[in-house]
Amino acid sequence: MTAVLAKLRSNLANWRDWEINPIVIKELRQAVRNRAVAGMLMLMLVVLFIFSLGFLISNSFDIDSDNQIGGPMFQTFVTILAGMSIFFIPLYMGVRIAAERQENNPDLMYVTTLSPARIIRGKFFCGAYMALLFFSACMPFMAFTNLLRGVDLPTVFFILFFLYLIVCAANLLAIFFACLPLSRPFKILLALYGFFQSIWIIVPAVFASTHMMRAGIGSMMGERYFWIETVTSITIAGALGGLFYVLSVALISPPSANRALPVRRYITLIWLLGGLLALAWVWKAADPEAILVWHHIMFILLTLSLVVVVSNGDRLSFRVRRDIPAAGWKRTVAFLFFNGAAGGLAWVTVLYAITYLMSAFVMTIASPRAATTFSIEDRSHFMIVFPAVLAYLFAYALTALFIHRQFLPNRPAKVAGLLAILLAGLAAVGPGIVLFFLNQLSWNSLEGMQLGNVFNVFYLHNDGRAFYHLCFAGAWLLVAAILNARWFWRQANDFKPLAIRAVPPETAPAGQ
C-alpha cells in the first residue's frame, strides 16, 4: 500500500511538472513582449478583414450574386491562416532555440537545472499556445462563413483541428532542426531552406482542407470507417511527432547521458504498435497492402537509424556504465538499447530482420487474398530486392566503421556515419563518372549492371539481374562482418557494469 501511495505521489508530481512548466511561462512572456509576434497577429487580422470585406463588396455589386459565398471565403481564410501559422510560428520557435544552443550564449540550455525533456516540452507547449492564439483570433472569421452558407460548422471545426495538428507538427520539426549540433551559418542556411520549403507543407494542407470541405466532412462523421481512418491518421502523425520530440531531447542531453536509450526504446515501441496496427488492417481488409506501408515506413526510419548508430562512439561514460544491469539477460537487452555502435547495429539488425520476415510472411501465407493481389513477379521483387538493399546498407556501414577504426581512429565517431554516406554516394556516382571520361555515358549505360550501387538494384528488378546484386552485396557484407567481428566481440564483452569496490571496514583504535 505504501508503494502504491508513493507511486501516486510521483505521478501527481509528474503531472504538476507537465502543468506548471517554467519554460512555458518564460517563452510566453517573451512572446507577448516580442513585437514580431504582435505584428504578425495584427497583420493576419487585417488581411482577414480586408478579404472578408472584399468578398462582401464584390458579391453585393454582382448581378448574379452567389448566395453561398461562405465556401470560397472559408477556403481563402484557411489559406491565409495556414500560410502565416506555418511560416511564422515554427520559424520563431526554431530561431529562439537555435540562439540558445550557441556556445557564446549561456542562456537557458546551459545554466538551468531543468531536465532536457522539460525544456523541449516547454518549447513545444509555447508553440502550441501561440498557434492556439492565432487560431482563436481567426475563429470569428471562420464561424462567420457559416452564416453566408456554403460550409457547415462541423466541417469548419474539423478542418481547423486538422490544420492545428499540422502547425504543431511543424513546430516539432523546427525544434528538432534547431537542436542539431550545427554552426550558426549552417543553421541560418537551414532556416532559410526550411522557410522556403514550408510551402510543401502549406499547399498539401490547403488542398486537403479544400477536399474535405467539398466532400462534406459533417455528413461523413456518422460513419464508422471515417473515424477509424481519422484516428489511424492522427495516431501515425502523433507517433512521428513523438519521434521528433524524443530526438530533440536526446540532442540537447549531455554527452555523458544515455542518449540512445529513449530514442531506441521509442522507435521500438512505434515499430511494434505500427506492426500490430498494420496486421489489424490486413485482417480487417484481407489485403496485405497495409503491411507493405508499415514495412516501407520502417525501412526508411531504420535506414536513418543505421546512419546514426554508426556515428555512435565505442567508449561508454561512467554515467552509462553505472546503469548497466548485472543480470545476464537484462544486460543483453540493455546492450541493444544503450549507447554504442555495436549494440546499435545489433538493434537495427533485429528490427530489420523481423520487419522483413513478417512482411514476407503476410504477403505469401497469412493473407488469403495475397496470391490474387500480388503477382509472382511482385513477390519475387520483394524477396530479392529488399534483401539486396539491406545487404548493401549494412556493407556500407560496416566498411565505414572499419575504415574509421583503422585509418582515422583519432577523428570523432560521427565521421563513420559520414563515410557510410560517402561510400553509398561514390557507389552511385562513381560508375557514371568513369563512363563519362570514357565517353560512353548514356541512359542505357546507367541502367546496366553496376555492382555495388544500391540504387541500381531498383532498375534491374524486372529482368532478374537483381539476383546478382544480392550475391555481390551478400559477399561484401560477409567480408565486412569478418573484418569487424573482433571489434564487435570486444564491445559486447566490455559491456559490463562498473565494479563495486569493497570499502574496508574501519579499524577500531587500540584499547577499545
Protein backbone atom coordinates (compact mmCIF):
# COMPACT_ATOMS: atom_id res chain seq x y z
CA MET A 1 0.00 0.00 0.00
CA THR A 2 2.86 2.35 0.81
CA ALA A 3 4.45 1.65 -2.57
CA VAL A 4 1.16 2.40 -4.34
CA LEU A 5 0.79 5.71 -2.50
CA ALA A 6 4.38 6.62 -3.33
CA LYS A 7 3.72 5.84 -6.99
CA LEU A 8 0.61 8.03 -6.96
CA ARG A 9 2.56 10.89 -5.39
CA SER A 10 5.21 10.51 -8.09
CA ASN A 11 2.56 10.58 -10.83
CA LEU A 12 0.97 13.68 -9.30
CA ALA A 13 4.37 15.35 -9.14
CA ASN A 14 4.98 14.49 -12.79
CA TRP A 15 1.53 15.82 -13.71
CA ARG A 16 2.31 19.03 -11.85
CA ASP A 17 5.58 19.15 -13.77
CA TRP A 18 3.65 18.99 -17.06
CA GLU A 19 1.16 21.64 -15.93
CA ILE A 20 3.50 24.25 -14.43
CA ASN A 21 6.47 24.43 -16.72
CA PRO A 22 8.71 27.47 -16.19
CA ILE A 23 9.87 27.25 -19.79
CA VAL A 24 6.30 27.86 -20.98
CA ILE A 25 5.94 30.90 -18.71
CA LYS A 26 9.31 32.29 -19.81
CA GLU A 27 8.68 31.75 -23.52
CA LEU A 28 5.12 33.12 -23.44
CA ARG A 29 6.25 36.20 -21.52
CA GLN A 30 8.91 36.89 -24.12
CA ALA A 31 6.47 36.16 -26.97
CA VAL A 32 3.99 38.68 -25.58
CA ARG A 33 6.72 41.31 -25.40
CA ASN A 34 8.01 40.45 -28.87
CA ARG A 35 6.87 42.94 -31.49
CA ALA A 36 7.17 40.37 -34.27
CA VAL A 37 4.51 38.14 -32.70
CA ALA A 38 2.10 41.01 -32.07
CA GLY A 39 2.78 42.45 -35.53
CA MET A 40 2.16 39.12 -37.28
CA LEU A 41 -1.07 38.61 -35.33
CA MET A 42 -2.34 42.10 -36.20
CA LEU A 43 -1.30 41.63 -39.83
CA MET A 44 -3.28 38.40 -40.05
CA LEU A 45 -6.38 40.07 -38.60
CA VAL A 46 -6.07 42.99 -41.02
CA VAL A 47 -5.64 40.67 -44.01
CA LEU A 48 -8.64 38.58 -42.95
CA PHE A 49 -10.76 41.70 -42.51
CA ILE A 50 -9.76 43.09 -45.90
CA PHE A 51 -10.50 39.82 -47.70
CA SER A 52 -13.86 39.39 -45.96
CA LEU A 53 -14.80 42.97 -46.80
CA GLY A 54 -13.71 42.43 -50.40
CA PHE A 55 -15.85 39.29 -50.68
CA LEU A 56 -18.94 41.07 -49.36
CA ILE A 57 -18.49 44.17 -51.52
CA SER A 58 -17.81 42.21 -54.72
CA ASN A 59 -20.83 39.99 -54.06
CA SER A 60 -23.13 42.98 -53.42
CA PHE A 61 -22.28 44.59 -56.79
CA ASP A 62 -22.64 41.31 -58.68
CA ILE A 63 -25.92 40.93 -60.55
CA ASP A 64 -25.86 37.14 -60.42
CA SER A 65 -24.78 37.10 -56.78
CA ASP A 66 -23.94 33.77 -55.23
CA ASN A 67 -25.95 33.02 -52.12
CA GLN A 68 -23.31 30.56 -50.93
CA ILE A 69 -20.11 32.58 -50.75
CA GLY A 70 -19.17 31.02 -47.39
CA GLY A 71 -17.28 28.18 -49.07
CA PRO A 72 -14.86 30.29 -51.17
CA MET A 73 -14.39 32.71 -48.28
CA PHE A 74 -13.57 29.85 -45.93
CA GLN A 75 -11.00 28.47 -48.38
CA THR A 76 -9.34 31.88 -48.54
CA PHE A 77 -9.26 32.21 -44.76
CA VAL A 78 -7.80 28.72 -44.38
CA THR A 79 -5.05 29.58 -46.88
CA ILE A 80 -4.16 32.79 -45.01
CA LEU A 81 -4.20 31.09 -41.62
CA ALA A 82 -2.15 28.11 -42.82
CA GLY A 83 0.39 30.32 -44.57
CA MET A 84 1.01 32.69 -41.67
CA SER A 85 0.95 29.97 -38.99
CA ILE A 86 3.25 27.50 -40.74
CA PHE A 87 5.59 30.21 -41.99
CA PHE A 88 5.93 32.26 -38.82
CA ILE A 89 5.45 30.12 -35.68
CA PRO A 90 7.95 27.29 -36.50
CA LEU A 91 10.47 29.87 -37.70
CA TYR A 92 10.07 31.87 -34.48
CA MET A 93 10.48 28.77 -32.30
CA GLY A 94 13.43 27.48 -34.29
CA VAL A 95 15.31 30.78 -34.23
CA ARG A 96 14.91 31.14 -30.46
CA ILE A 97 16.10 27.61 -29.73
CA ALA A 98 19.00 27.88 -32.19
CA ALA A 99 20.10 31.10 -30.47
CA GLU A 100 20.04 29.41 -27.07
CA ARG A 101 22.04 26.46 -28.41
CA GLN A 102 25.00 28.67 -29.33
CA GLU A 103 28.03 28.26 -27.07
CA ASN A 104 28.58 32.01 -26.80
CA ASN A 105 25.07 32.48 -25.40
CA PRO A 106 24.98 30.88 -21.92
CA ASP A 107 21.21 31.05 -21.73
CA LEU A 108 18.69 28.51 -20.52
CA MET A 109 20.30 25.47 -22.12
CA TYR A 110 23.48 25.79 -20.03
CA VAL A 111 22.56 27.33 -16.67
CA THR A 112 19.26 25.66 -15.80
CA THR A 113 18.73 22.60 -13.64
CA LEU A 114 15.65 21.58 -15.63
CA SER A 115 15.78 18.28 -17.47
CA PRO A 116 16.12 18.30 -21.27
CA ALA A 117 12.66 16.75 -21.55
CA ARG A 118 11.08 19.63 -19.62
CA ILE A 119 12.90 22.16 -21.78
CA ILE A 120 11.65 20.62 -25.05
CA ARG A 121 8.14 20.20 -23.63
CA GLY A 122 8.11 23.84 -22.61
CA LYS A 123 9.23 24.96 -26.06
CA PHE A 124 6.60 22.80 -27.72
CA PHE A 125 3.81 23.96 -25.42
CA CYS A 126 4.76 27.57 -26.09
CA GLY A 127 4.49 26.97 -29.84
CA ALA A 128 1.17 25.17 -29.34
CA TYR A 129 -0.18 28.07 -27.27
CA MET A 130 0.94 30.57 -29.90
CA ALA A 131 -0.78 28.53 -32.61
CA LEU A 132 -3.89 28.40 -30.43
CA LEU A 133 -3.75 32.19 -30.12
CA PHE A 134 -3.60 32.60 -33.91
CA PHE A 135 -6.45 30.14 -34.41
CA SER A 136 -8.58 31.77 -31.72
CA ALA A 137 -8.13 35.17 -33.33
CA CYS A 138 -9.17 33.69 -36.68
CA MET A 139 -12.11 31.71 -35.28
CA PRO A 140 -14.75 34.53 -35.56
CA PHE A 141 -13.97 34.95 -39.25
CA MET A 142 -14.27 31.20 -39.78
CA ALA A 143 -17.58 31.00 -37.94
CA PHE A 144 -18.85 34.00 -39.93
CA THR A 145 -18.52 32.00 -43.16
CA ASN A 146 -21.18 29.59 -41.88
CA LEU A 147 -23.72 32.43 -41.90
CA LEU A 148 -23.00 33.04 -45.59
CA ARG A 149 -23.75 29.38 -46.43
CA GLY A 150 -21.57 27.00 -48.37
CA VAL A 151 -19.88 25.41 -45.35
CA ASP A 152 -21.19 23.87 -42.12
CA LEU A 153 -19.81 24.31 -38.62
CA PRO A 154 -18.67 20.66 -38.13
CA THR A 155 -16.58 20.99 -41.29
CA VAL A 156 -15.14 24.30 -40.05
CA PHE A 157 -14.10 22.90 -36.67
CA PHE A 158 -12.74 19.65 -38.11
CA ILE A 159 -10.59 21.43 -40.70
CA LEU A 160 -9.28 23.87 -38.10
CA PHE A 161 -8.39 20.97 -35.82
CA PHE A 162 -6.66 19.22 -38.72
CA LEU A 163 -4.72 22.39 -39.56
CA TYR A 164 -3.79 22.93 -35.91
CA LEU A 165 -2.22 19.48 -35.75
CA ILE A 166 -0.17 20.30 -38.85
CA VAL A 167 1.13 23.51 -37.24
CA CYS A 168 2.08 21.61 -34.06
CA ALA A 169 3.90 19.00 -36.17
CA ALA A 170 5.76 21.79 -37.99
CA ASN A 171 6.75 23.23 -34.59
CA LEU A 172 8.24 19.89 -33.52
CA LEU A 173 10.13 19.65 -36.79
CA ALA A 174 11.52 23.17 -36.32
CA ILE A 175 12.57 22.37 -32.74
CA PHE A 176 14.38 19.24 -33.95
CA PHE A 177 16.32 21.09 -36.66
CA ALA A 178 17.20 23.90 -34.23
CA CYS A 179 18.64 21.36 -31.76
CA LEU A 180 21.04 19.89 -34.32
CA PRO A 181 24.69 20.50 -33.38
CA LEU A 182 25.48 22.79 -36.31
CA SER A 183 27.32 26.07 -36.54
CA ARG A 184 25.49 29.37 -36.89
CA PRO A 185 26.00 29.75 -40.70
CA PHE A 186 24.65 26.25 -41.31
CA LYS A 187 21.66 26.94 -39.07
CA ILE A 188 20.93 30.17 -40.95
CA LEU A 189 21.03 28.27 -44.24
CA LEU A 190 18.85 25.56 -42.73
CA ALA A 191 16.34 28.17 -41.52
CA LEU A 192 16.17 29.75 -44.97
CA TYR A 193 15.77 26.35 -46.57
CA GLY A 194 13.00 25.43 -44.14
CA PHE A 195 11.30 28.77 -44.72
CA PHE A 196 11.11 28.23 -48.47
CA GLN A 197 10.36 24.51 -48.19
CA SER A 198 7.44 25.09 -45.82
CA ILE A 199 5.34 25.75 -48.90
CA TRP A 200 5.37 21.97 -49.40
CA ILE A 201 3.50 21.74 -46.08
CA ILE A 202 1.11 24.61 -46.75
CA VAL A 203 -0.02 23.54 -50.21
CA PRO A 204 -0.99 19.94 -49.27
CA ALA A 205 -2.70 21.24 -46.12
CA VAL A 206 -4.78 23.71 -48.11
CA PHE A 207 -5.65 21.14 -50.77
CA ALA A 208 -6.60 18.60 -48.11
CA SER A 209 -8.85 21.11 -46.33
CA THR A 210 -10.46 22.05 -49.65
CA HIS A 211 -11.08 18.41 -50.46
CA MET A 212 -12.57 17.79 -47.01
CA MET A 213 -14.85 20.79 -47.36
CA ARG A 214 -16.10 19.70 -50.79
CA ALA A 215 -16.55 16.11 -49.63
CA GLY A 216 -18.72 17.26 -46.75
CA ILE A 217 -16.97 16.14 -43.59
CA GLY A 218 -20.02 16.91 -41.48
CA SER A 219 -22.11 14.32 -43.32
CA MET A 220 -19.36 11.68 -43.02
CA MET A 221 -18.91 11.93 -39.26
CA GLY A 222 -21.66 9.42 -38.61
CA GLU A 223 -19.79 6.65 -40.44
CA ARG A 224 -17.54 4.25 -38.55
CA TYR A 225 -14.85 4.00 -41.20
CA PHE A 226 -14.42 7.77 -41.18
CA TRP A 227 -13.44 7.74 -37.50
CA ILE A 228 -11.27 4.65 -37.95
CA GLU A 229 -9.29 6.33 -40.71
CA THR A 230 -9.14 9.62 -38.80
CA VAL A 231 -7.87 8.01 -35.60
CA THR A 232 -5.32 5.98 -37.61
CA SER A 233 -4.01 9.09 -39.35
CA ILE A 234 -3.80 11.06 -36.10
CA THR A 235 -2.03 8.15 -34.41
CA ILE A 236 0.58 7.92 -37.17
CA ALA A 237 1.12 11.70 -37.12
CA GLY A 238 1.37 11.67 -33.33
CA ALA A 239 3.93 8.87 -33.43
CA LEU A 240 6.03 10.84 -35.92
CA GLY A 241 5.77 13.98 -33.78
CA GLY A 242 6.76 12.00 -30.70
CA LEU A 243 9.83 10.77 -32.57
CA PHE A 244 10.98 14.33 -33.25
CA TYR A 245 10.34 15.16 -29.60
CA VAL A 246 12.48 12.25 -28.38
CA LEU A 247 15.23 13.11 -30.86
CA SER A 248 15.24 16.75 -29.73
CA VAL A 249 15.54 15.69 -26.08
CA ALA A 250 18.46 13.42 -26.99
CA LEU A 251 20.21 16.18 -28.92
CA ILE A 252 20.25 18.64 -26.01
CA SER A 253 21.12 16.00 -23.42
CA PRO A 254 24.70 15.98 -22.05
CA PRO A 255 27.20 13.84 -23.98
CA SER A 256 27.68 11.64 -20.92
CA ALA A 257 23.97 10.77 -20.77
CA ASN A 258 22.46 7.61 -22.20
CA ARG A 259 21.07 9.36 -25.26
CA ALA A 260 20.35 6.22 -27.24
CA LEU A 261 18.07 4.59 -24.66
CA PRO A 262 14.93 6.77 -25.04
CA VAL A 263 15.32 7.04 -28.81
CA ARG A 264 15.76 3.31 -29.47
CA ARG A 265 13.07 2.45 -26.95
CA TYR A 266 10.60 4.83 -28.63
CA ILE A 267 11.41 3.60 -32.15
CA THR A 268 10.95 0.01 -30.96
CA LEU A 269 7.60 0.94 -29.44
CA ILE A 270 6.25 2.61 -32.59
CA TRP A 271 7.68 -0.27 -34.64
CA LEU A 272 5.71 -2.75 -32.53
CA LEU A 273 2.49 -0.72 -32.41
CA GLY A 274 2.74 0.08 -36.12
CA GLY A 275 3.14 -3.61 -36.93
CA LEU A 276 0.11 -4.52 -34.83
CA LEU A 277 -1.93 -1.76 -36.47
CA ALA A 278 -0.87 -2.97 -39.93
CA LEU A 279 -1.79 -6.56 -39.06
CA ALA A 280 -5.18 -5.36 -37.84
CA TRP A 281 -5.80 -3.59 -41.16
CA VAL A 282 -4.67 -6.71 -43.06
CA TRP A 283 -7.09 -8.86 -41.07
CA LYS A 284 -9.91 -6.32 -41.49
CA ALA A 285 -9.49 -5.72 -45.22
CA ALA A 286 -8.00 -9.13 -46.10
CA ASP A 287 -5.38 -7.32 -48.18
CA PRO A 288 -1.63 -7.16 -47.37
CA GLU A 289 -1.21 -3.59 -48.65
CA ALA A 290 -1.18 -2.28 -45.07
CA ILE A 291 1.80 -4.44 -44.11
CA LEU A 292 3.77 -3.01 -47.02
CA VAL A 293 3.03 0.53 -45.85
CA TRP A 294 4.40 -0.39 -42.42
CA HIS A 295 7.40 -2.14 -43.99
CA HIS A 296 8.34 0.82 -46.21
CA ILE A 297 7.97 3.39 -43.41
CA MET A 298 10.06 1.33 -41.00
CA PHE A 299 12.59 0.63 -43.76
CA ILE A 300 13.19 4.37 -44.18
CA LEU A 301 13.25 5.00 -40.43
CA LEU A 302 15.65 2.14 -39.72
CA THR A 303 17.92 3.22 -42.57
CA LEU A 304 18.24 6.66 -41.00
CA SER A 305 18.77 4.98 -37.64
CA LEU A 306 21.59 2.91 -39.14
CA VAL A 307 23.47 6.07 -40.13
CA VAL A 308 23.02 7.49 -36.61
CA VAL A 309 24.04 4.21 -34.98
CA VAL A 310 27.25 4.04 -36.98
CA SER A 311 28.06 7.55 -35.75
CA ASN A 312 27.97 6.44 -32.08
CA GLY A 313 31.17 6.17 -30.09
CA ASP A 314 32.62 3.00 -28.60
CA ARG A 315 33.50 4.21 -25.14
CA LEU A 316 30.71 4.43 -22.60
CA SER A 317 30.73 7.08 -19.92
CA PHE A 318 30.73 6.22 -16.22
CA ARG A 319 27.18 7.53 -16.06
CA VAL A 320 26.05 4.98 -18.64
CA ARG A 321 28.07 2.07 -17.25
CA ARG A 322 26.62 2.73 -13.82
CA ASP A 323 23.15 1.88 -15.19
CA ILE A 324 24.14 -1.37 -16.91
CA PRO A 325 22.28 -4.22 -15.20
CA ALA A 326 24.27 -7.06 -13.70
CA ALA A 327 21.91 -9.89 -14.71
CA GLY A 328 22.82 -11.74 -17.92
CA TRP A 329 19.58 -11.45 -19.90
CA LYS A 330 18.98 -7.89 -18.72
CA ARG A 331 22.47 -6.94 -19.79
CA THR A 332 21.84 -8.48 -23.22
CA VAL A 333 18.70 -6.40 -23.69
CA ALA A 334 20.45 -3.30 -22.40
CA PHE A 335 23.27 -3.87 -24.89
CA LEU A 336 20.76 -3.33 -27.70
CA PHE A 337 19.34 -0.10 -26.30
CA PHE A 338 22.26 1.65 -24.59
CA ASN A 339 24.86 3.88 -26.21
CA GLY A 340 27.40 2.30 -28.54
CA ALA A 341 27.72 1.46 -32.21
CA ALA A 342 27.92 -2.31 -31.68
CA GLY A 343 24.69 -2.55 -29.70
CA GLY A 344 23.01 -0.18 -32.13
CA LEU A 345 23.98 -2.36 -35.10
CA ALA A 346 22.53 -5.41 -33.35
CA TRP A 347 19.34 -3.48 -32.53
CA VAL A 348 18.85 -2.30 -36.13
CA THR A 349 19.58 -5.81 -37.43
CA VAL A 350 16.94 -7.39 -35.21
CA LEU A 351 14.26 -4.87 -36.20
CA TYR A 352 15.20 -5.09 -39.90
CA ALA A 353 15.04 -8.89 -39.87
CA ILE A 354 11.70 -9.13 -38.06
CA THR A 355 10.15 -6.44 -40.27
CA TYR A 356 11.20 -8.17 -43.47
CA LEU A 357 10.24 -11.67 -42.33
CA MET A 358 6.85 -10.54 -41.04
CA SER A 359 6.08 -8.66 -44.26
CA ALA A 360 7.14 -11.63 -46.39
CA PHE A 361 5.02 -13.99 -44.27
CA VAL A 362 1.92 -11.80 -44.62
CA MET A 363 2.39 -11.39 -48.37
CA THR A 364 2.75 -15.09 -49.08
CA ILE A 365 0.87 -17.01 -46.38
CA ALA A 366 -1.11 -15.01 -43.84
CA SER A 367 -3.46 -13.10 -46.15
CA PRO A 368 -5.90 -15.30 -48.09
CA ARG A 369 -6.01 -12.82 -50.96
CA ALA A 370 -2.27 -12.29 -51.21
CA ALA A 371 -1.96 -14.61 -54.21
CA THR A 372 -4.56 -12.64 -56.16
CA THR A 373 -3.45 -9.20 -55.00
CA PHE A 374 0.25 -9.68 -55.76
CA SER A 375 1.62 -11.44 -58.77
CA ILE A 376 4.55 -13.81 -58.69
CA GLU A 377 6.79 -11.06 -60.10
CA ASP A 378 5.79 -8.68 -57.29
CA ARG A 379 6.59 -11.24 -54.62
CA SER A 380 9.91 -12.18 -56.21
CA HIS A 381 10.76 -8.48 -56.44
CA PHE A 382 10.10 -8.10 -52.73
CA MET A 383 12.00 -11.28 -51.80
CA ILE A 384 15.15 -10.36 -53.75
CA VAL A 385 15.36 -6.57 -53.97
CA PHE A 386 14.94 -5.69 -50.30
CA PRO A 387 17.48 -8.28 -49.02
CA ALA A 388 19.95 -6.94 -51.58
CA VAL A 389 19.31 -3.36 -50.47
CA LEU A 390 19.68 -4.32 -46.79
CA ALA A 391 22.93 -6.16 -47.52
CA TYR A 392 24.30 -3.11 -49.30
CA LEU A 393 23.30 -0.77 -46.46
CA PHE A 394 24.98 -2.90 -43.81
CA ALA A 395 28.02 -3.39 -46.04
CA TYR A 396 28.42 0.39 -46.37
CA ALA A 397 28.02 0.83 -42.60
CA LEU A 398 30.46 -1.91 -41.58
CA THR A 399 33.03 -0.82 -44.18
CA ALA A 400 32.82 2.77 -42.90
CA LEU A 401 33.31 1.53 -39.34
CA PHE A 402 36.40 -0.46 -40.34
CA ILE A 403 37.92 2.47 -42.24
CA HIS A 404 37.28 4.85 -39.37
CA ARG A 405 38.69 2.47 -36.77
CA GLN A 406 41.81 1.51 -38.74
CA PHE A 407 42.79 4.73 -40.52
CA LEU A 408 41.02 7.57 -38.67
CA PRO A 409 40.95 6.48 -35.01
CA ASN A 410 41.51 9.99 -33.65
CA ARG A 411 38.59 11.50 -35.55
CA PRO A 412 35.12 11.89 -33.96
CA ALA A 413 32.74 8.95 -34.17
CA LYS A 414 30.35 10.81 -36.47
CA VAL A 415 32.98 10.54 -39.22
CA ALA A 416 31.98 6.87 -39.61
CA GLY A 417 28.40 7.91 -40.47
CA LEU A 418 29.69 10.43 -42.99
CA LEU A 419 31.93 7.75 -44.51
CA ALA A 420 28.94 5.41 -44.88
CA ILE A 421 27.01 8.10 -46.75
CA LEU A 422 30.10 8.87 -48.84
CA LEU A 423 30.50 5.20 -49.77
CA ALA A 424 26.88 4.99 -50.91
CA GLY A 425 27.32 8.20 -52.92
CA LEU A 426 30.56 7.05 -54.54
CA ALA A 427 29.00 3.70 -55.43
CA ALA A 428 26.10 5.53 -57.08
CA VAL A 429 28.06 8.27 -58.87
CA GLY A 430 31.39 6.50 -59.48
CA PRO A 431 30.33 4.35 -62.47
CA GLY A 432 28.77 7.37 -64.15
CA ILE A 433 31.97 9.40 -63.73
CA VAL A 434 34.08 6.58 -65.20
CA LEU A 435 31.71 6.20 -68.15
CA PHE A 436 31.76 9.97 -68.69
CA PHE A 437 35.54 10.08 -69.05
CA LEU A 438 35.41 7.02 -71.34
CA ASN A 439 32.82 8.88 -73.46
CA GLN A 440 30.34 6.03 -73.01
CA LEU A 441 27.81 7.70 -70.72
CA SER A 442 24.18 7.24 -71.80
CA TRP A 443 20.82 6.34 -70.29
CA ASN A 444 21.24 2.75 -71.37
CA SER A 445 24.62 2.52 -69.66
CA LEU A 446 23.18 3.92 -66.42
CA GLU A 447 20.50 1.23 -66.44
CA GLY A 448 23.10 -1.51 -66.92
CA MET A 449 24.65 -3.70 -64.26
CA GLN A 450 26.51 -1.67 -61.62
CA LEU A 451 27.54 -3.97 -58.81
CA GLY A 452 27.99 -2.09 -55.55
CA ASN A 453 25.39 0.57 -56.38
CA VAL A 454 22.36 0.15 -54.13
CA PHE A 455 20.24 2.43 -56.32
CA ASN A 456 20.93 0.30 -59.37
CA VAL A 457 19.04 -2.60 -57.75
CA PHE A 458 15.68 -0.91 -58.36
CA TYR A 459 16.41 -0.55 -62.10
CA LEU A 460 17.18 -4.23 -62.60
CA HIS A 461 14.41 -5.96 -60.65
CA ASN A 462 12.25 -6.58 -63.71
CA ASP A 463 14.76 -8.60 -65.73
CA GLY A 464 16.04 -10.81 -62.90
CA ARG A 465 19.52 -9.31 -62.67
CA ALA A 466 18.85 -8.13 -59.11
CA PHE A 467 19.89 -11.62 -58.02
CA TYR A 468 23.49 -10.78 -58.99
CA HIS A 469 23.27 -7.70 -56.77
CA LEU A 470 22.07 -9.91 -53.92
CA CYS A 471 25.05 -12.24 -54.30
CA PHE A 472 27.57 -9.39 -54.59
CA ALA A 473 26.09 -7.47 -51.63
CA GLY A 474 25.99 -10.64 -49.53
CA ALA A 475 29.65 -11.37 -50.24
CA TRP A 476 30.65 -7.77 -49.45
CA LEU A 477 28.63 -7.88 -46.22
CA LEU A 478 30.28 -11.17 -45.20
CA VAL A 479 33.78 -9.74 -45.69
CA ALA A 480 32.90 -6.55 -43.80
CA ALA A 481 31.37 -8.59 -40.95
CA ILE A 482 34.52 -10.70 -40.66
CA LEU A 483 36.69 -7.58 -40.54
CA ASN A 484 34.55 -6.15 -37.74
CA ALA A 485 33.98 -9.40 -35.82
CA ARG A 486 36.79 -8.87 -33.29
CA TRP A 487 35.67 -5.27 -32.66
CA PHE A 488 32.06 -6.37 -32.14
CA TRP A 489 33.05 -9.17 -29.75
CA ARG A 490 35.24 -6.80 -27.77
CA GLN A 491 32.43 -4.25 -27.45
CA ALA A 492 29.95 -6.91 -26.36
CA ASN A 493 32.42 -8.35 -23.85
CA ASP A 494 33.25 -4.92 -22.39
CA PHE A 495 29.59 -4.07 -21.85
CA LYS A 496 29.61 -4.61 -18.12
CA PRO A 497 28.59 -2.51 -15.13
CA LEU A 498 31.14 -0.72 -13.04
CA ALA A 499 32.84 -2.95 -10.50
CA ILE A 500 31.73 -2.10 -6.98
CA ARG A 501 34.77 -1.63 -4.84
CA ALA A 502 34.61 -3.10 -1.38
CA VAL A 503 35.13 -0.47 1.28
CA PRO A 504 37.41 -1.81 4.04
CA PRO A 505 35.90 -1.58 7.50
CA GLU A 506 37.27 0.99 9.84
CA THR A 507 39.69 -0.46 12.35
CA ALA A 508 38.90 0.40 15.91
CA PRO A 509 41.63 2.16 17.92
CA ALA A 510 43.69 0.07 20.22
CA GLY A 511 42.30 -0.36 23.66
CA GLN A 512 38.61 -0.23 22.62
